[in-house]
């Protein structure tokens, strides 16, 4: 997802943002601080692809389609 679009969705989200953390065997879901996420995504240029996506339920994870763009 594009950086400015992702940041807009995070700001507009009412409720927690849950971040997916995975290794080879396990996947964990952790609630993140929105301000910290915004600081991290502010490092990208406005129209730059971040490689992350957020769904309507507030789950933030890797954008599987971004690798193919």
C-alpha atoms as a PDB file:
ATOM      1  CA  UNK A   1       0.000   0.000   0.000  1.00  0.00           C
ATOM      2  CA  UNK A   2       1.186   3.539  -0.755  1.00  0.00           C
ATOM      3  CA  UNK A   3       2.588   5.365   2.304  1.00  0.00           C
ATOM      4  CA  UNK A   4       0.213   8.330   2.407  1.00  0.00           C
ATOM      5  CA  UNK A   5      -2.844   6.082   1.917  1.00  0.00           C
ATOM      6  CA  UNK A   6      -1.702   3.703   4.661  1.00  0.00           C
ATOM      7  CA  UNK A   7      -1.073   6.551   7.100  1.00  0.00           C
ATOM      8  CA  UNK A   8      -4.498   8.023   6.337  1.00  0.00           C
ATOM      9  CA  UNK A   9      -6.181   4.680   7.101  1.00  0.00           C
ATOM     10  CA  UNK A  10      -4.235   4.271  10.363  1.00  0.00           C
ATOM     11  CA  UNK A  11      -5.198   7.796  11.501  1.00  0.00           C
ATOM     12  CA  UNK A  12      -8.872   7.221  10.645  1.00  0.00           C
ATOM     13  CA  UNK A  13      -9.029   3.848  12.381  1.00  0.00           C
ATOM     14  CA  UNK A  14     -11.208   3.846  15.502  1.00  0.00           C
ATOM     15  CA  UNK A  15      -9.937   1.006  17.599  1.00  0.00           C
ATOM     16  CA  UNK A  16      -6.706  -0.921  17.856  1.00  0.00           C
ATOM     17  CA  UNK A  17      -4.281  -1.671  15.055  1.00  0.00           C
ATOM     18  CA  UNK A  18      -3.055  -5.252  15.233  1.00  0.00           C
ATOM     19  CA  UNK A  19       0.316  -6.103  13.683  1.00  0.00           C
ATOM     20  CA  UNK A  20       1.116  -9.584  12.382  1.00  0.00           C
ATOM     21  CA  UNK A  21       4.513 -10.956  13.425  1.00  0.00           C
ATOM     22  CA  UNK A  22       5.604 -14.209  11.790  1.00  0.00           C
ATOM     23  CA  UNK A  23       8.544 -16.536  11.712  1.00  0.00           C
ATOM     24  CA  UNK A  24       8.907 -19.922  10.057  1.00  0.00           C
ATOM     25  CA  UNK A  25       6.527 -21.736  12.408  1.00  0.00           C
ATOM     26  CA  UNK A  26       4.349 -19.257  14.278  1.00  0.00           C
ATOM     27  CA  UNK A  27       2.284 -16.145  13.740  1.00  0.00           C
ATOM     28  CA  UNK A  28       1.501 -13.719  16.546  1.00  0.00           C
ATOM     29  CA  UNK A  29      -0.808 -10.710  16.537  1.00  0.00           C
ATOM     30  CA  UNK A  30       0.242  -7.742  18.678  1.00  0.00           C
ATOM     31  CA  UNK A  31      -1.568  -4.485  19.324  1.00  0.00           C
ATOM     32  CA  UNK A  32       0.550  -1.550  18.146  1.00  0.00           C
ATOM     33  CA  UNK A  33       0.646   2.106  19.144  1.00  0.00           C
ATOM     34  CA  UNK A  34      -0.725   4.123  16.222  1.00  0.00           C
ATOM     35  CA  UNK A  35       1.663   7.041  16.813  1.00  0.00           C
ATOM     36  CA  UNK A  36       4.641   4.673  16.589  1.00  0.00           C
ATOM     37  CA  UNK A  37       3.361   3.179  13.339  1.00  0.00           C
ATOM     38  CA  UNK A  38       2.855   6.631  11.855  1.00  0.00           C
ATOM     39  CA  UNK A  39       6.435   7.584  12.760  1.00  0.00           C
ATOM     40  CA  UNK A  40       7.748   4.489  10.989  1.00  0.00           C
ATOM     41  CA  UNK A  41       5.646   5.001   7.863  1.00  0.00           C
ATOM     42  CA  UNK A  42       6.555   8.721   7.736  1.00  0.00           C
ATOM     43  CA  UNK A  43      10.041   7.589   6.641  1.00  0.00           C
ATOM     44  CA  UNK A  44       8.612   6.607   3.253  1.00  0.00           C
ATOM     45  CA  UNK A  45       7.975   9.166   0.530  1.00  0.00           C
ATOM     46  CA  UNK A  46       4.280  10.022   0.065  1.00  0.00           C
ATOM     47  CA  UNK A  47       3.792   7.940  -3.077  1.00  0.00           C
ATOM     48  CA  UNK A  48       6.214   5.149  -2.159  1.00  0.00           C
ATOM     49  CA  UNK A  49       5.067   1.544  -1.751  1.00  0.00           C
ATOM     50  CA  UNK A  50       5.505   0.411   1.869  1.00  0.00           C
ATOM     51  CA  UNK A  51       5.019  -3.325   1.417  1.00  0.00           C
ATOM     52  CA  UNK A  52       2.307  -3.346   4.107  1.00  0.00           C
ATOM     53  CA  UNK A  53      -1.473  -3.330   4.031  1.00  0.00           C
ATOM     54  CA  UNK A  54      -4.217  -2.796   6.602  1.00  0.00           C
ATOM     55  CA  UNK A  55      -7.653  -4.365   6.373  1.00  0.00           C
ATOM     56  CA  UNK A  56     -11.033  -3.090   7.584  1.00  0.00           C
ATOM     57  CA  UNK A  57     -10.592  -4.942  10.894  1.00  0.00           C
ATOM     58  CA  UNK A  58      -7.346  -3.105  11.676  1.00  0.00           C
ATOM     59  CA  UNK A  59      -4.924  -5.950  10.952  1.00  0.00           C
ATOM     60  CA  UNK A  60      -1.621  -4.655   9.545  1.00  0.00           C
ATOM     61  CA  UNK A  61       0.499  -7.195   7.689  1.00  0.00           C
ATOM     62  CA  UNK A  62       2.830  -7.674   4.747  1.00  0.00           C
ATOM     63  CA  UNK A  63       1.316  -6.817   1.400  1.00  0.00           C
ATOM     64  CA  UNK A  64       1.745 -10.083  -0.488  1.00  0.00           C
ATOM     65  CA  UNK A  65       1.019  -8.364  -3.822  1.00  0.00           C
ATOM     66  CA  UNK A  66       3.643  -5.626  -3.322  1.00  0.00           C
ATOM     67  CA  UNK A  67       6.524  -7.953  -4.163  1.00  0.00           C
ATOM     68  CA  UNK A  68       5.101  -8.459  -7.656  1.00  0.00           C
ATOM     69  CA  UNK A  69       4.679  -4.757  -8.528  1.00  0.00           C
END
